[in-house]
């Protein structure tokens, strides 16, 4: 009878441990999902920022070309 009671106690502990592990896995999956969405958002922000930088670089290049043309015109006089 004592062995049976011990077996029930061990089984309950195992079940409790299994439930705790399941909760931890669920929490981890939720956290991973949250972090994955955050990462996607940051990558999208980075992509937009890089596109903006390219546009600014094009504007800078255009302005530098205009300055160079003005300098050449001035020197030609």
N, C-alpha and C. Protein backbone atom coordinates (compact mmCIF):
# COMPACT_ATOMS: atom_id res chain seq x y z
N UNK A 1 0.82 -1.19 0.00
CA UNK A 1 0.00 0.00 0.00
C UNK A 1 0.87 1.26 0.00
N UNK A 2 1.96 1.21 0.76
CA UNK A 2 2.85 2.36 0.83
C UNK A 2 3.49 2.60 -0.54
N UNK A 3 3.87 1.51 -1.24
CA UNK A 3 4.44 1.65 -2.58
C UNK A 3 3.44 2.31 -3.52
N UNK A 4 2.17 1.94 -3.40
CA UNK A 4 1.13 2.49 -4.26
C UNK A 4 0.98 4.00 -3.99
N UNK A 5 0.98 4.38 -2.71
CA UNK A 5 0.87 5.80 -2.33
C UNK A 5 2.07 6.58 -2.86
N UNK A 6 3.25 5.99 -2.74
CA UNK A 6 4.47 6.62 -3.25
C UNK A 6 4.38 6.78 -4.77
N UNK A 7 3.85 5.76 -5.44
CA UNK A 7 3.71 5.80 -6.90
C UNK A 7 2.76 6.94 -7.31
N UNK A 8 1.65 7.07 -6.59
CA UNK A 8 0.68 8.14 -6.88
C UNK A 8 1.34 9.51 -6.67
N UNK A 9 2.09 9.63 -5.59
CA UNK A 9 2.77 10.89 -5.30
C UNK A 9 3.76 11.22 -6.41
N UNK A 10 4.56 10.24 -6.83
CA UNK A 10 5.53 10.45 -7.90
C UNK A 10 4.84 10.81 -9.21
N UNK A 11 3.72 10.14 -9.48
CA UNK A 11 2.97 10.41 -10.70
C UNK A 11 2.44 11.84 -10.68
N UNK A 12 1.94 12.27 -9.53
CA UNK A 12 1.44 13.65 -9.41
C UNK A 12 2.58 14.66 -9.61
N UNK A 13 3.74 14.35 -9.04
CA UNK A 13 4.90 15.24 -9.22
C UNK A 13 5.30 15.31 -10.69
N UNK A 14 5.28 14.14 -11.35
CA UNK A 14 5.64 14.11 -12.77
C UNK A 14 4.64 14.92 -13.59
N UNK A 15 3.36 14.77 -13.28
CA UNK A 15 2.32 15.51 -14.00
C UNK A 15 2.49 17.02 -13.77
N UNK A 16 2.77 17.39 -12.54
CA UNK A 16 2.98 18.80 -12.22
C UNK A 16 4.21 19.33 -12.97
N UNK A 17 5.26 18.54 -13.00
CA UNK A 17 6.47 18.93 -13.71
C UNK A 17 6.18 19.08 -15.21
N UNK A 18 5.42 18.14 -15.76
CA UNK A 18 5.06 18.19 -17.18
C UNK A 18 4.26 19.45 -17.48
N UNK A 19 3.32 19.79 -16.60
CA UNK A 19 2.51 21.00 -16.79
C UNK A 19 3.39 22.25 -16.73
N UNK A 20 4.34 22.26 -15.79
CA UNK A 20 5.24 23.41 -15.67
C UNK A 20 6.08 23.55 -16.94
N UNK A 21 6.57 22.43 -17.45
CA UNK A 21 7.38 22.45 -18.67
C UNK A 21 6.54 22.95 -19.84
N UNK A 22 5.30 22.51 -19.90
CA UNK A 22 4.40 22.93 -20.97
C UNK A 22 4.17 24.44 -20.91
N UNK A 23 3.96 24.96 -19.71
CA UNK A 23 3.77 26.41 -19.54
C UNK A 23 5.03 27.16 -19.99
N UNK A 24 6.19 26.63 -19.62
CA UNK A 24 7.45 27.28 -20.01
C UNK A 24 7.60 27.29 -21.53
N UNK A 25 7.27 26.16 -22.17
CA UNK A 25 7.37 26.09 -23.63
C UNK A 25 6.41 27.09 -24.28
N UNK A 26 5.18 27.15 -23.76
CA UNK A 26 4.19 28.08 -24.31
C UNK A 26 4.68 29.52 -24.15
N UNK A 27 5.20 29.84 -22.98
CA UNK A 27 5.72 31.18 -22.73
C UNK A 27 6.89 31.50 -23.67
N UNK A 28 7.76 30.52 -23.86
CA UNK A 28 8.92 30.71 -24.73
C UNK A 28 8.48 30.93 -26.18
N UNK A 29 7.50 30.14 -26.63
CA UNK A 29 7.01 30.31 -28.01
C UNK A 29 6.38 31.68 -28.19
N UNK A 30 5.62 32.12 -27.19
CA UNK A 30 5.00 33.44 -27.26
C UNK A 30 6.07 34.52 -27.31
N UNK A 31 7.07 34.38 -26.48
CA UNK A 31 8.17 35.37 -26.43
C UNK A 31 8.92 35.38 -27.76
N UNK A 32 9.19 34.22 -28.30
CA UNK A 32 9.89 34.13 -29.59
C UNK A 32 9.06 34.81 -30.68
N UNK A 33 7.77 34.57 -30.67
CA UNK A 33 6.89 35.21 -31.65
C UNK A 33 6.92 36.73 -31.53
N UNK A 34 6.88 37.21 -30.29
CA UNK A 34 6.93 38.65 -30.05
C UNK A 34 8.24 39.23 -30.55
N UNK A 35 9.33 38.56 -30.24
CA UNK A 35 10.64 39.05 -30.67
C UNK A 35 10.79 38.99 -32.18
N UNK A 36 10.22 37.96 -32.80
CA UNK A 36 10.29 37.83 -34.26
C UNK A 36 9.54 38.99 -34.93
N UNK A 37 8.37 39.33 -34.41
CA UNK A 37 7.62 40.46 -34.97
C UNK A 37 8.38 41.77 -34.78
N UNK A 38 8.99 41.92 -33.63
CA UNK A 38 9.78 43.14 -33.38
C UNK A 38 10.96 43.22 -34.35
N UNK A 39 11.60 42.08 -34.58
CA UNK A 39 12.73 42.04 -35.51
C UNK A 39 12.28 42.40 -36.92
N UNK A 40 11.15 41.87 -37.35
CA UNK A 40 10.61 42.20 -38.68
C UNK A 40 10.34 43.70 -38.79
N UNK A 41 9.79 44.27 -37.74
CA UNK A 41 9.49 45.70 -37.73
C UNK A 41 10.78 46.52 -37.85
N UNK A 42 11.81 46.10 -37.10
CA UNK A 42 13.09 46.82 -37.16
C UNK A 42 13.73 46.70 -38.54
N UNK A 43 13.63 45.51 -39.15
CA UNK A 43 14.18 45.34 -40.50
C UNK A 43 13.45 46.24 -41.49
N UNK A 44 12.14 46.37 -41.34
CA UNK A 44 11.36 47.24 -42.23
C UNK A 44 11.79 48.69 -42.04
N UNK A 45 11.98 49.10 -40.79
CA UNK A 45 12.45 50.47 -40.51
C UNK A 45 13.83 50.69 -41.12
N UNK A 46 14.69 49.69 -41.01
CA UNK A 46 16.04 49.78 -41.58
C UNK A 46 15.98 49.90 -43.09
N UNK A 47 15.12 49.11 -43.73
CA UNK A 47 14.97 49.15 -45.18
C UNK A 47 14.53 50.55 -45.62
N UNK A 48 13.55 51.11 -44.91
CA UNK A 48 13.07 52.45 -45.24
C UNK A 48 14.17 53.49 -45.03
N UNK A 49 14.92 53.35 -43.95
CA UNK A 49 15.99 54.30 -43.66
C UNK A 49 17.07 54.24 -44.75
N UNK A 50 17.40 53.02 -45.20
CA UNK A 50 18.40 52.88 -46.26
C UNK A 50 17.92 53.53 -47.55
N UNK A 51 16.64 53.36 -47.87
CA UNK A 51 16.08 53.99 -49.07
C UNK A 51 16.16 55.51 -48.94
N UNK A 52 15.87 56.02 -47.76
CA UNK A 52 15.94 57.46 -47.52
C UNK A 52 17.37 57.96 -47.68
N UNK A 53 18.33 57.21 -47.15
CA UNK A 53 19.74 57.58 -47.27
C UNK A 53 20.14 57.62 -48.75
N UNK A 54 19.70 56.63 -49.54
CA UNK A 54 20.02 56.62 -50.98
C UNK A 54 19.48 57.88 -51.66
N UNK A 55 18.26 58.26 -51.32
CA UNK A 55 17.67 59.48 -51.91
C UNK A 55 18.48 60.72 -51.52
N UNK A 56 18.88 60.78 -50.26
CA UNK A 56 19.68 61.92 -49.81
C UNK A 56 21.04 61.94 -50.51
N UNK A 57 21.64 60.77 -50.70
CA UNK A 57 22.93 60.70 -51.40
C UNK A 57 22.77 61.18 -52.84
N UNK A 58 21.66 60.83 -53.48
CA UNK A 58 21.40 61.29 -54.85
C UNK A 58 21.26 62.81 -54.88
N UNK A 59 20.55 63.37 -53.91
CA UNK A 59 20.40 64.83 -53.85
C UNK A 59 21.75 65.51 -53.63
N UNK A 60 22.56 64.93 -52.76
CA UNK A 60 23.89 65.49 -52.50
C UNK A 60 24.73 65.46 -53.77
N UNK A 61 24.71 64.32 -54.47
CA UNK A 61 25.47 64.19 -55.71
C UNK A 61 25.01 65.22 -56.74
N UNK A 62 23.72 65.41 -56.86
CA UNK A 62 23.16 66.37 -57.81
C UNK A 62 23.62 67.78 -57.45
N UNK A 63 23.56 68.12 -56.17
CA UNK A 63 23.99 69.45 -55.72
C UNK A 63 25.48 69.65 -55.97
N UNK A 64 26.28 68.63 -55.69
CA UNK A 64 27.73 68.73 -55.95
C UNK A 64 28.01 68.93 -57.43
N UNK A 65 27.26 68.25 -58.29
CA UNK A 65 27.43 68.42 -59.73
C UNK A 65 27.09 69.84 -60.15
N UNK A 66 26.01 70.38 -59.59
CA UNK A 66 25.63 71.76 -59.89
C UNK A 66 26.72 72.74 -59.46
N UNK A 67 27.28 72.50 -58.28
CA UNK A 67 28.37 73.36 -57.78
C UNK A 67 29.57 73.26 -58.72
N UNK A 68 29.92 72.04 -59.11
CA UNK A 68 31.06 71.83 -60.01
C UNK A 68 30.84 72.55 -61.34
N UNK A 69 29.62 72.48 -61.88
CA UNK A 69 29.31 73.18 -63.13
C UNK A 69 29.45 74.69 -62.96
N UNK A 70 28.98 75.22 -61.83
CA UNK A 70 29.09 76.66 -61.58
C UNK A 70 30.55 77.08 -61.48
N UNK A 71 31.36 76.26 -60.80
CA UNK A 71 32.79 76.56 -60.67
C UNK A 71 33.45 76.55 -62.04
N UNK A 72 33.13 75.56 -62.87
CA UNK A 72 33.72 75.48 -64.21
C UNK A 72 33.29 76.68 -65.06
N UNK A 73 32.03 77.08 -64.97
CA UNK A 73 31.55 78.25 -65.71
C UNK A 73 32.28 79.51 -65.25
N UNK A 74 32.46 79.62 -63.95
CA UNK A 74 33.15 80.79 -63.40
C UNK A 74 34.61 80.82 -63.88
N UNK A 75 35.26 79.66 -63.87
CA UNK A 75 36.66 79.59 -64.29
C UNK A 75 36.81 79.83 -65.79
N UNK A 76 35.79 79.53 -66.56
CA UNK A 76 35.84 79.69 -68.01
C UNK A 76 35.79 81.17 -68.40
N UNK A 77 35.29 82.02 -67.53
CA UNK A 77 35.17 83.45 -67.85
C UNK A 77 36.47 84.15 -67.85
